[in-house]
Amino acid sequence: MPSTKLTTPAAVRQFLDRFDFFLFDCDGVLWRGDHLLPQIVETLTYLRSLKKQLLFVTNNSTKSRASYISKLSSLGIPAEIDEVFGSSYSAAIYISRILSLPADKKVFVIGEKGICEELEKENVRWCGGVEEDIEDMQADVEDDLEVGVVLVGLDRGINYRKLARAYRYLQREEVVFLATNIDSTFPAKGGLMPGAGSMSAPLSYMTGRTPVSLGKPSQEMMKAIEGRFQFDKNRACMVGDRINTDIRFGQEGGLGGTLGVLTGVCKEEEFLAEEGVVPEVYLDRLCDLLIAKEE
């Protein structure tokens, strides 16, 4: 069934009244790149005034939760660190608390500072990442038997040597293959850019292995959120711009509702498809929720 567009104050109020807990994607919903979308601060302030609980759920692994708080603050969005749940944090929790990685093992990271910071907070040893030496791209790559996990996130400095090292480690079956998320692209101010899934895809092609994804739409992330917060899933709504990550995440996670916006990846015709996954309702922009204040 196609998604329904919320177009009247009464319809928006009725929709908002159904939920106490809103999970927001960030890129393409609140901002594009470093550009804040219209009236986002006013919209979030309005939701807080209605006593709604907000959680910012992002697949962007380049920033830790602390870094995300800094970004939110710089954009004028007040938030607490417990209101941010990123894929780098989800991956760190999975490795330390679910896999229970032994102390004599470490994680090889293809990714940026956010992943490394979250691993350190969970007392997980890591190598690679922002410290990867790239002076000699084709130097012999030796196996490191201390590596027990290869974790791949968005890495804007990805190179041949990083992929070669990851490939070497993944040839051992006991090495766990993880991805912070498998987004093919992400929205930036100038258009779409390659996402974290574009980093792990070459390794899947080389090894024939599929990584366990720890970002949306993976339900491993939903389980981590449920373990961290107490909320009624029937009164929770996922808000996002992508059908294949955000909307699937909410629907497969059994949330009570999904809200799509047209400020990111998906186009209106995708929300209006007769078959497949579509959000329950959609808006042109998140700030269109503000029409609920009208008489």
C-alpha atoms as a PDB file:
ATOM      1  CA  MET A   1       0.000   0.000   0.000  1.00  0.00           C
ATOM      2  CA  PRO A   2       1.411   3.444  -0.895  1.00  0.00           C
ATOM      3  CA  SER A   3       2.486   5.820   1.836  1.00  0.00           C
ATOM      4  CA  THR A   4       0.074   8.567   2.909  1.00  0.00           C
ATOM      5  CA  LYS A   5       1.182  12.178   2.896  1.00  0.00           C
ATOM      6  CA  LEU A   6       0.318  14.201   5.998  1.00  0.00           C
ATOM      7  CA  THR A   7      -1.144  17.444   4.685  1.00  0.00           C
ATOM      8  CA  THR A   8      -3.421  18.902   7.365  1.00  0.00           C
ATOM      9  CA  PRO A   9      -2.865  20.081  10.952  1.00  0.00           C
ATOM     10  CA  ALA A  10      -5.423  17.564  12.212  1.00  0.00           C
ATOM     11  CA  ALA A  11      -3.702  14.654  10.455  1.00  0.00           C
ATOM     12  CA  VAL A  12      -0.307  15.622  11.868  1.00  0.00           C
ATOM     13  CA  ARG A  13      -1.693  16.023  15.398  1.00  0.00           C
ATOM     14  CA  GLN A  14      -3.416  12.651  15.188  1.00  0.00           C
ATOM     15  CA  PHE A  15      -0.169  11.051  14.034  1.00  0.00           C
ATOM     16  CA  LEU A  16       1.947  12.663  16.762  1.00  0.00           C
ATOM     17  CA  ASP A  17      -0.533  11.655  19.458  1.00  0.00           C
ATOM     18  CA  ARG A  18       0.154   7.987  18.716  1.00  0.00           C
ATOM     19  CA  PHE A  19       3.809   8.134  19.775  1.00  0.00           C
ATOM     20  CA  ASP A  20       5.952   8.903  22.811  1.00  0.00           C
ATOM     21  CA  PHE A  21       9.355   7.932  21.371  1.00  0.00           C
ATOM     22  CA  PHE A  22      10.814   9.167  18.076  1.00  0.00           C
ATOM     23  CA  LEU A  23      13.951   7.704  16.512  1.00  0.00           C
ATOM     24  CA  PHE A  24      15.533  10.084  14.003  1.00  0.00           C
ATOM     25  CA  ASP A  25      17.966   9.392  11.241  1.00  0.00           C
ATOM     26  CA  CYS A  26      20.258  12.418  10.887  1.00  0.00           C
ATOM     27  CA  ASP A  27      21.810  12.798   7.416  1.00  0.00           C
ATOM     28  CA  GLY A  28      19.006  13.665   5.023  1.00  0.00           C
ATOM     29  CA  VAL A  29      16.497  14.271   7.827  1.00  0.00           C
ATOM     30  CA  LEU A  30      18.043  16.890  10.106  1.00  0.00           C
ATOM     31  CA  TRP A  31      20.884  18.026   7.859  1.00  0.00           C
ATOM     32  CA  ARG A  32      22.732  17.384   4.627  1.00  0.00           C
ATOM     33  CA  GLY A  33      26.481  17.393   5.183  1.00  0.00           C
ATOM     34  CA  ASP A  34      27.016  20.333   7.524  1.00  0.00           C
ATOM     35  CA  HIS A  35      23.939  22.204   6.283  1.00  0.00           C
ATOM     36  CA  LEU A  36      21.029  22.221   8.735  1.00  0.00           C
ATOM     37  CA  LEU A  37      17.684  21.708   7.028  1.00  0.00           C
ATOM     38  CA  PRO A  38      14.922  24.325   7.501  1.00  0.00           C
ATOM     39  CA  GLN A  39      13.347  24.813  10.946  1.00  0.00           C
ATOM     40  CA  ILE A  40      14.841  21.650  12.414  1.00  0.00           C
ATOM     41  CA  VAL A  41      15.594  23.249  15.779  1.00  0.00           C
ATOM     42  CA  GLU A  42      12.040  24.582  16.013  1.00  0.00           C
ATOM     43  CA  THR A  43      10.600  21.178  15.083  1.00  0.00           C
ATOM     44  CA  LEU A  44      12.609  19.253  17.672  1.00  0.00           C
ATOM     45  CA  THR A  45      11.829  21.882  20.306  1.00  0.00           C
ATOM     46  CA  TYR A  46       8.137  21.494  19.511  1.00  0.00           C
ATOM     47  CA  LEU A  47       8.314  17.714  19.908  1.00  0.00           C
ATOM     48  CA  ARG A  48      10.098  18.074  23.233  1.00  0.00           C
ATOM     49  CA  SER A  49       7.372  20.489  24.363  1.00  0.00           C
ATOM     50  CA  LEU A  50       4.908  17.656  23.726  1.00  0.00           C
ATOM     51  CA  LYS A  51       6.986  15.453  26.081  1.00  0.00           C
ATOM     52  CA  LYS A  52       8.226  13.253  23.252  1.00  0.00           C
ATOM     53  CA  GLN A  53      11.445  11.317  23.856  1.00  0.00           C
ATOM     54  CA  LEU A  54      13.976  11.750  21.037  1.00  0.00           C
ATOM     55  CA  LEU A  55      16.788   9.456  19.933  1.00  0.00           C
ATOM     56  CA  PHE A  56      19.197  10.300  17.120  1.00  0.00           C
ATOM     57  CA  VAL A  57      20.033   7.025  15.358  1.00  0.00           C
ATOM     58  CA  THR A  58      22.713   7.367  12.718  1.00  0.00           C
ATOM     59  CA  ASN A  59      24.633   5.006  10.475  1.00  0.00           C
ATOM     60  CA  ASN A  60      27.452   7.539  10.180  1.00  0.00           C
ATOM     61  CA  SER A  61      30.408   5.794  11.814  1.00  0.00           C
ATOM     62  CA  THR A  62      32.929   8.602  11.334  1.00  0.00           C
ATOM     63  CA  LYS A  63      31.852  10.296  14.553  1.00  0.00           C
ATOM     64  CA  SER A  64      31.610   9.004  18.107  1.00  0.00           C
ATOM     65  CA  ARG A  65      28.634   9.914  20.263  1.00  0.00           C
ATOM     66  CA  ALA A  66      30.686  12.681  21.877  1.00  0.00           C
ATOM     67  CA  SER A  67      31.545  14.089  18.444  1.00  0.00           C
ATOM     68  CA  TYR A  68      27.898  13.932  17.452  1.00  0.00           C
ATOM     69  CA  ILE A  69      26.948  15.957  20.508  1.00  0.00           C
ATOM     70  CA  SER A  70      29.454  18.583  19.388  1.00  0.00           C
ATOM     71  CA  LYS A  71      27.937  18.620  15.894  1.00  0.00           C
ATOM     72  CA  LEU A  72      24.387  18.846  17.220  1.00  0.00           C
ATOM     73  CA  SER A  73      25.415  21.674  19.520  1.00  0.00           C
ATOM     74  CA  SER A  74      27.172  23.550  16.703  1.00  0.00           C
ATOM     75  CA  LEU A  75      23.938  23.379  14.704  1.00  0.00           C
ATOM     76  CA  GLY A  76      21.910  24.692  17.627  1.00  0.00           C
ATOM     77  CA  ILE A  77      20.323  21.351  18.544  1.00  0.00           C
ATOM     78  CA  PRO A  78      20.490  20.646  22.290  1.00  0.00           C
ATOM     79  CA  ALA A  79      20.970  16.956  23.103  1.00  0.00           C
ATOM     80  CA  GLU A  80      22.429  14.646  25.725  1.00  0.00           C
ATOM     81  CA  ILE A  81      24.944  11.932  24.885  1.00  0.00           C
ATOM     82  CA  ASP A  82      22.398   9.243  25.801  1.00  0.00           C
ATOM     83  CA  GLU A  83      20.156  10.604  23.031  1.00  0.00           C
ATOM     84  CA  VAL A  84      22.680   9.616  20.352  1.00  0.00           C
ATOM     85  CA  PHE A  85      22.998   6.049  19.073  1.00  0.00           C
ATOM     86  CA  GLY A  86      25.459   5.664  16.210  1.00  0.00           C
ATOM     87  CA  SER A  87      26.669   2.649  14.268  1.00  0.00           C
ATOM     88  CA  SER A  88      30.200   3.018  15.674  1.00  0.00           C
ATOM     89  CA  TYR A  89      28.778   2.814  19.209  1.00  0.00           C
ATOM     90  CA  SER A  90      26.572  -0.119  18.206  1.00  0.00           C
ATOM     91  CA  ALA A  91      29.608  -1.948  16.796  1.00  0.00           C
ATOM     92  CA  ALA A  92      31.709  -1.307  19.902  1.00  0.00           C
ATOM     93  CA  ILE A  93      28.948  -2.646  22.159  1.00  0.00           C
ATOM     94  CA  TYR A  94      28.510  -5.710  19.954  1.00  0.00           C
ATOM     95  CA  ILE A  95      32.224  -6.522  20.021  1.00  0.00           C
ATOM     96  CA  SER A  96      32.722  -5.988  23.746  1.00  0.00           C
ATOM     97  CA  ARG A  97      29.430  -7.259  25.165  1.00  0.00           C
ATOM     98  CA  ILE A  98      28.033  -9.730  22.621  1.00  0.00           C
ATOM     99  CA  LEU A  99      31.164 -11.196  21.057  1.00  0.00           C
ATOM    100  CA  SER A 100      33.051 -10.668  24.334  1.00  0.00           C
ATOM    101  CA  LEU A 101      36.288 -10.320  22.380  1.00  0.00           C
ATOM    102  CA  PRO A 102      39.125 -11.814  24.476  1.00  0.00           C
ATOM    103  CA  ALA A 103      41.673  -9.394  25.885  1.00  0.00           C
ATOM    104  CA  ASP A 104      44.440 -10.950  23.791  1.00  0.00           C
ATOM    105  CA  LYS A 105      42.571 -10.179  20.562  1.00  0.00           C
ATOM    106  CA  LYS A 106      42.123  -6.876  18.760  1.00  0.00           C
ATOM    107  CA  VAL A 107      40.050  -5.292  16.002  1.00  0.00           C
ATOM    108  CA  PHE A 108      41.417  -4.227  12.638  1.00  0.00           C
ATOM    109  CA  VAL A 109      39.544  -1.080  11.653  1.00  0.00           C
ATOM    110  CA  ILE A 110      38.828   0.286   8.226  1.00  0.00           C
ATOM    111  CA  GLY A 111      37.208   3.515   9.275  1.00  0.00           C
ATOM    112  CA  GLU A 112      37.701   6.827  10.962  1.00  0.00           C
ATOM    113  CA  LYS A 113      38.072   8.390  14.379  1.00  0.00           C
ATOM    114  CA  GLY A 114      34.521   7.729  15.584  1.00  0.00           C
ATOM    115  CA  ILE A 115      34.964   3.953  15.496  1.00  0.00           C
ATOM    116  CA  CYS A 116      38.302   4.068  17.270  1.00  0.00           C
ATOM    117  CA  GLU A 117      36.985   6.346  20.026  1.00  0.00           C
ATOM    118  CA  GLU A 118      33.998   4.104  20.726  1.00  0.00           C
ATOM    119  CA  LEU A 119      36.181   0.969  20.803  1.00  0.00           C
ATOM    120  CA  GLU A 120      38.496   2.633  23.304  1.00  0.00           C
ATOM    121  CA  LYS A 121      35.558   3.536  25.543  1.00  0.00           C
ATOM    122  CA  GLU A 122      34.631  -0.155  25.583  1.00  0.00           C
ATOM    123  CA  ASN A 123      38.277  -1.070  26.350  1.00  0.00           C
ATOM    124  CA  VAL A 124      38.654  -2.906  23.048  1.00  0.00           C
ATOM    125  CA  ARG A 125      42.111  -2.926  21.453  1.00  0.00           C
ATOM    126  CA  TRP A 126      42.299  -1.897  17.808  1.00  0.00           C
ATOM    127  CA  CYS A 127      44.743  -1.323  14.974  1.00  0.00           C
ATOM    128  CA  GLY A 128      44.495   0.243  11.532  1.00  0.00           C
ATOM    129  CA  GLY A 129      41.910   3.002  11.379  1.00  0.00           C
ATOM    130  CA  VAL A 130      43.297   6.498  11.591  1.00  0.00           C
ATOM    131  CA  GLU A 131      46.771   5.176  12.406  1.00  0.00           C
ATOM    132  CA  GLU A 132      47.183   3.079   9.270  1.00  0.00           C
ATOM    133  CA  ASP A 133      50.596   3.662   7.654  1.00  0.00           C
ATOM    134  CA  ILE A 134      50.119   4.258   3.926  1.00  0.00           C
ATOM    135  CA  GLU A 135      53.656   5.145   2.874  1.00  0.00           C
ATOM    136  CA  ASP A 136      54.222   1.883   1.005  1.00  0.00           C
ATOM    137  CA  MET A 137      50.935   0.697  -0.465  1.00  0.00           C
ATOM    138  CA  GLN A 138      52.313  -2.553  -1.863  1.00  0.00           C
ATOM    139  CA  ALA A 139      54.618  -3.621   0.950  1.00  0.00           C
ATOM    140  CA  ASP A 140      54.190  -7.223   2.040  1.00  0.00           C
ATOM    141  CA  VAL A 141      51.196  -7.628   4.336  1.00  0.00           C
ATOM    142  CA  GLU A 142      51.848 -10.108   7.110  1.00  0.00           C
ATOM    143  CA  ASP A 143      49.127 -11.823   9.085  1.00  0.00           C
ATOM    144  CA  ASP A 144      48.591 -10.674  12.656  1.00  0.00           C
ATOM    145  CA  LEU A 145      47.203 -13.507  14.757  1.00  0.00           C
ATOM    146  CA  GLU A 146      46.038 -11.044  17.410  1.00  0.00           C
ATOM    147  CA  VAL A 147      43.405  -9.701  15.007  1.00  0.00           C
ATOM    148  CA  GLY A 148      40.119 -11.399  15.836  1.00  0.00           C
ATOM    149  CA  VAL A 149      37.717  -8.964  14.152  1.00  0.00           C
ATOM    150  CA  VAL A 150      37.748  -6.894  10.981  1.00  0.00           C
ATOM    151  CA  LEU A 151      35.386  -3.931  11.357  1.00  0.00           C
ATOM    152  CA  VAL A 152      34.594  -1.801   8.314  1.00  0.00           C
ATOM    153  CA  GLY A 153      32.958   1.615   8.364  1.00  0.00           C
ATOM    154  CA  LEU A 154      33.046   4.711   6.214  1.00  0.00           C
ATOM    155  CA  ASP A 155      36.676   5.556   5.475  1.00  0.00           C
ATOM    156  CA  ARG A 156      37.351   8.605   3.322  1.00  0.00           C
ATOM    157  CA  GLY A 157      41.025   7.664   3.288  1.00  0.00           C
ATOM    158  CA  ILE A 158      40.531   4.078   2.139  1.00  0.00           C
ATOM    159  CA  ASN A 159      43.391   2.657   0.091  1.00  0.00           C
ATOM    160  CA  TYR A 160      44.853  -0.515  -1.345  1.00  0.00           C
ATOM    161  CA  ARG A 161      46.921  -1.386   1.717  1.00  0.00           C
ATOM    162  CA  LYS A 162      43.970  -1.179   4.108  1.00  0.00           C
ATOM    163  CA  LEU A 163      41.979  -3.538   1.908  1.00  0.00           C
ATOM    164  CA  ALA A 164      44.977  -5.859   1.556  1.00  0.00           C
ATOM    165  CA  ARG A 165      45.428  -6.094   5.322  1.00  0.00           C
ATOM    166  CA  ALA A 166      41.729  -6.749   5.904  1.00  0.00           C
ATOM    167  CA  TYR A 167      41.730  -9.403   3.182  1.00  0.00           C
ATOM    168  CA  ARG A 168      44.727 -11.135   4.745  1.00  0.00           C
ATOM    169  CA  TYR A 169      43.040 -11.322   8.155  1.00  0.00           C
ATOM    170  CA  LEU A 170      39.678 -12.443   6.762  1.00  0.00           C
ATOM    171  CA  GLN A 171      41.264 -15.459   5.100  1.00  0.00           C
ATOM    172  CA  ARG A 172      41.250 -16.966   8.591  1.00  0.00           C
ATOM    173  CA  GLU A 173      37.722 -18.295   9.154  1.00  0.00           C
ATOM    174  CA  GLU A 174      37.807 -17.520  12.862  1.00  0.00           C
ATOM    175  CA  VAL A 175      38.213 -13.782  12.200  1.00  0.00           C
ATOM    176  CA  VAL A 176      34.809 -12.109  12.516  1.00  0.00           C
ATOM    177  CA  PHE A 177      33.743  -9.818   9.655  1.00  0.00           C
ATOM    178  CA  LEU A 178      31.673  -6.828  10.810  1.00  0.00           C
ATOM    179  CA  ALA A 179      30.397  -3.642   9.184  1.00  0.00           C
ATOM    180  CA  THR A 180      29.146  -0.568  10.990  1.00  0.00           C
ATOM    181  CA  ASN A 181      26.530  -0.397   8.228  1.00  0.00           C
ATOM    182  CA  ILE A 182      26.154  -1.330   4.583  1.00  0.00           C
ATOM    183  CA  ASP A 183      24.733   1.902   3.136  1.00  0.00           C
ATOM    184  CA  SER A 184      25.778   2.170  -0.499  1.00  0.00           C
ATOM    185  CA  THR A 185      25.636   5.979  -0.396  1.00  0.00           C
ATOM    186  CA  PHE A 186      24.874   8.841   1.957  1.00  0.00           C
ATOM    187  CA  PRO A 187      23.368  12.291   1.271  1.00  0.00           C
ATOM    188  CA  ALA A 188      25.673  15.309   1.302  1.00  0.00           C
ATOM    189  CA  LYS A 189      24.985  18.925   0.451  1.00  0.00           C
ATOM    190  CA  GLY A 190      26.166  18.506  -3.139  1.00  0.00           C
ATOM    191  CA  GLY A 191      24.466  15.145  -3.726  1.00  0.00           C
ATOM    192  CA  LEU A 192      25.031  11.492  -2.891  1.00  0.00           C
ATOM    193  CA  MET A 193      28.465  10.217  -1.865  1.00  0.00           C
ATOM    194  CA  PRO A 194      29.841   6.641  -1.484  1.00  0.00           C
ATOM    195  CA  GLY A 195      28.771   5.098   1.822  1.00  0.00           C
ATOM    196  CA  ALA A 196      30.254   2.580   4.232  1.00  0.00           C
ATOM    197  CA  GLY A 197      28.823  -0.323   2.252  1.00  0.00           C
ATOM    198  CA  SER A 198      31.126   0.685  -0.580  1.00  0.00           C
ATOM    199  CA  MET A 199      34.077   0.029   1.743  1.00  0.00           C
ATOM    200  CA  SER A 200      33.049  -3.502   2.762  1.00  0.00           C
ATOM    201  CA  ALA A 201      31.773  -4.568  -0.682  1.00  0.00           C
ATOM    202  CA  PRO A 202      35.266  -5.166  -2.172  1.00  0.00           C
ATOM    203  CA  LEU A 203      36.125  -7.411   0.779  1.00  0.00           C
ATOM    204  CA  SER A 204      32.921  -9.386   0.296  1.00  0.00           C
ATOM    205  CA  TYR A 205      33.835  -9.800  -3.358  1.00  0.00           C
ATOM    206  CA  MET A 206      37.362 -10.961  -2.471  1.00  0.00           C
ATOM    207  CA  THR A 207      36.425 -13.348   0.315  1.00  0.00           C
ATOM    208  CA  GLY A 208      32.901 -14.490  -0.509  1.00  0.00           C
ATOM    209  CA  ARG A 209      31.964 -13.488   3.041  1.00  0.00           C
ATOM    210  CA  THR A 210      29.127 -11.191   4.096  1.00  0.00           C
ATOM    211  CA  PRO A 211      29.738  -8.929   7.094  1.00  0.00           C
ATOM    212  CA  VAL A 212      27.371  -8.742  10.029  1.00  0.00           C
ATOM    213  CA  SER A 213      25.971  -5.226   9.805  1.00  0.00           C
ATOM    214  CA  LEU A 214      25.481  -3.319  13.052  1.00  0.00           C
ATOM    215  CA  GLY A 215      23.675  -0.280  11.679  1.00  0.00           C
ATOM    216  CA  LYS A 216      20.210   0.238  10.240  1.00  0.00           C
ATOM    217  CA  PRO A 217      18.362  -1.834   9.073  1.00  0.00           C
ATOM    218  CA  SER A 218      20.112  -4.562  11.080  1.00  0.00           C
ATOM    219  CA  GLN A 219      18.052  -5.706  14.024  1.00  0.00           C
ATOM    220  CA  GLU A 220      21.276  -6.120  15.987  1.00  0.00           C
ATOM    221  CA  MET A 221      21.165  -2.346  16.314  1.00  0.00           C
ATOM    222  CA  MET A 222      17.509  -2.437  17.374  1.00  0.00           C
ATOM    223  CA  LYS A 223      18.331  -5.032  20.033  1.00  0.00           C
ATOM    224  CA  ALA A 224      21.084  -2.775  21.342  1.00  0.00           C
ATOM    225  CA  ILE A 225      18.675   0.181  21.495  1.00  0.00           C
ATOM    226  CA  GLU A 226      16.059  -1.924  23.284  1.00  0.00           C
ATOM    227  CA  GLY A 227      18.686  -3.027  25.765  1.00  0.00           C
ATOM    228  CA  ARG A 228      19.662   0.571  26.435  1.00  0.00           C
ATOM    229  CA  PHE A 229      16.222   2.217  26.630  1.00  0.00           C
ATOM    230  CA  GLN A 230      12.899   1.282  28.129  1.00  0.00           C
ATOM    231  CA  PHE A 231      10.126   2.110  25.654  1.00  0.00           C
ATOM    232  CA  ASP A 232       6.888   0.755  24.245  1.00  0.00           C
ATOM    233  CA  LYS A 233       7.636  -0.231  20.646  1.00  0.00           C
ATOM    234  CA  ASN A 234       3.994   0.271  19.706  1.00  0.00           C
ATOM    235  CA  ARG A 235       4.358   3.935  20.672  1.00  0.00           C
ATOM    236  CA  ALA A 236       7.680   4.438  18.886  1.00  0.00           C
ATOM    237  CA  CYS A 237       8.185   5.900  15.415  1.00  0.00           C
ATOM    238  CA  MET A 238      11.200   5.756  13.103  1.00  0.00           C
ATOM    239  CA  VAL A 239      11.815   8.889  11.018  1.00  0.00           C
ATOM    240  CA  GLY A 240      14.079   8.655   7.988  1.00  0.00           C
ATOM    241  CA  ASP A 241      14.786   9.435   4.355  1.00  0.00           C
ATOM    242  CA  ARG A 242      15.792   5.966   3.129  1.00  0.00           C
ATOM    243  CA  ILE A 243      13.451   3.045   2.575  1.00  0.00           C
ATOM    244  CA  ASN A 244      16.137   0.355   2.574  1.00  0.00           C
ATOM    245  CA  THR A 245      17.671   1.421   5.893  1.00  0.00           C
ATOM    246  CA  ASP A 246      15.530   3.718   8.044  1.00  0.00           C
ATOM    247  CA  ILE A 247      12.050   2.544   7.104  1.00  0.00           C
ATOM    248  CA  ARG A 248      12.997  -1.138   7.010  1.00  0.00           C
ATOM    249  CA  PHE A 249      14.676  -0.696  10.387  1.00  0.00           C
ATOM    250  CA  GLY A 250      11.475   0.594  11.936  1.00  0.00           C
ATOM    251  CA  GLN A 251       9.140  -1.880  10.284  1.00  0.00           C
ATOM    252  CA  GLU A 252      11.259  -4.982  10.801  1.00  0.00           C
ATOM    253  CA  GLY A 253      11.881  -3.849  14.367  1.00  0.00           C
ATOM    254  CA  GLY A 254       8.160  -3.837  15.078  1.00  0.00           C
ATOM    255  CA  LEU A 255       7.849  -0.121  15.786  1.00  0.00           C
ATOM    256  CA  GLY A 256       4.375   1.373  15.805  1.00  0.00           C
ATOM    257  CA  GLY A 257       5.009   3.768  12.933  1.00  0.00           C
ATOM    258  CA  THR A 258       7.391   5.032  10.271  1.00  0.00           C
ATOM    259  CA  LEU A 259       7.650   8.555   8.876  1.00  0.00           C
ATOM    260  CA  GLY A 260       9.504   9.320   5.655  1.00  0.00           C
ATOM    261  CA  VAL A 261      10.861  12.692   4.542  1.00  0.00           C
ATOM    262  CA  LEU A 262      11.886  13.835   1.062  1.00  0.00           C
ATOM    263  CA  THR A 263      14.991  15.811   2.037  1.00  0.00           C
ATOM    264  CA  GLY A 264      17.434  12.931   1.606  1.00  0.00           C
ATOM    265  CA  VAL A 265      17.831   9.913  -0.646  1.00  0.00           C
ATOM    266  CA  CYS A 266      14.353   8.666  -1.577  1.00  0.00           C
ATOM    267  CA  LYS A 267      11.989  10.335  -4.018  1.00  0.00           C
ATOM    268  CA  GLU A 268       8.232  10.723  -3.633  1.00  0.00           C
ATOM    269  CA  GLU A 269       7.474   8.083  -6.258  1.00  0.00           C
ATOM    270  CA  GLU A 270       9.334   5.532  -4.128  1.00  0.00           C
ATOM    271  CA  PHE A 271       7.112   6.312  -1.139  1.00  0.00           C
ATOM    272  CA  LEU A 272       4.053   5.943  -3.377  1.00  0.00           C
ATOM    273  CA  ALA A 273       4.986   2.492  -4.697  1.00  0.00           C
ATOM    274  CA  GLU A 274       2.160  -0.046  -4.654  1.00  0.00           C
ATOM    275  CA  GLU A 275       4.441  -2.869  -3.512  1.00  0.00           C
ATOM    276  CA  GLY A 276       7.451  -3.290  -1.271  1.00  0.00           C
ATOM    277  CA  VAL A 277       8.534  -1.376   1.801  1.00  0.00           C
ATOM    278  CA  VAL A 278       7.232   2.178   2.131  1.00  0.00           C
ATOM    279  CA  PRO A 279       6.808   4.445   5.173  1.00  0.00           C
ATOM    280  CA  GLU A 280       3.379   4.550   6.767  1.00  0.00           C
ATOM    281  CA  VAL A 281       3.244   8.318   6.213  1.00  0.00           C
ATOM    282  CA  TYR A 282       5.547  10.941   4.735  1.00  0.00           C
ATOM    283  CA  LEU A 283       6.249  14.676   4.574  1.00  0.00           C
ATOM    284  CA  ASP A 284       8.175  16.914   2.212  1.00  0.00           C
ATOM    285  CA  ARG A 285      10.324  18.119   5.132  1.00  0.00           C
ATOM    286  CA  LEU A 286      10.483  17.271   8.815  1.00  0.00           C
ATOM    287  CA  CYS A 287       9.519  20.840   9.695  1.00  0.00           C
ATOM    288  CA  ASP A 288       6.102  20.214   8.119  1.00  0.00           C
ATOM    289  CA  LEU A 289       5.232  18.673  11.492  1.00  0.00           C
ATOM    290  CA  LEU A 290       4.937  22.254  12.714  1.00  0.00           C
ATOM    291  CA  ILE A 291       1.589  22.641  10.955  1.00  0.00           C
ATOM    292  CA  ALA A 292       0.176  20.725  13.931  1.00  0.00           C
ATOM    293  CA  LYS A 293       0.408  24.015  15.838  1.00  0.00           C
ATOM    294  CA  GLU A 294      -2.073  25.649  13.480  1.00  0.00           C
ATOM    295  CA  GLU A 295      -5.716  25.938  14.450  1.00  0.00           C
END
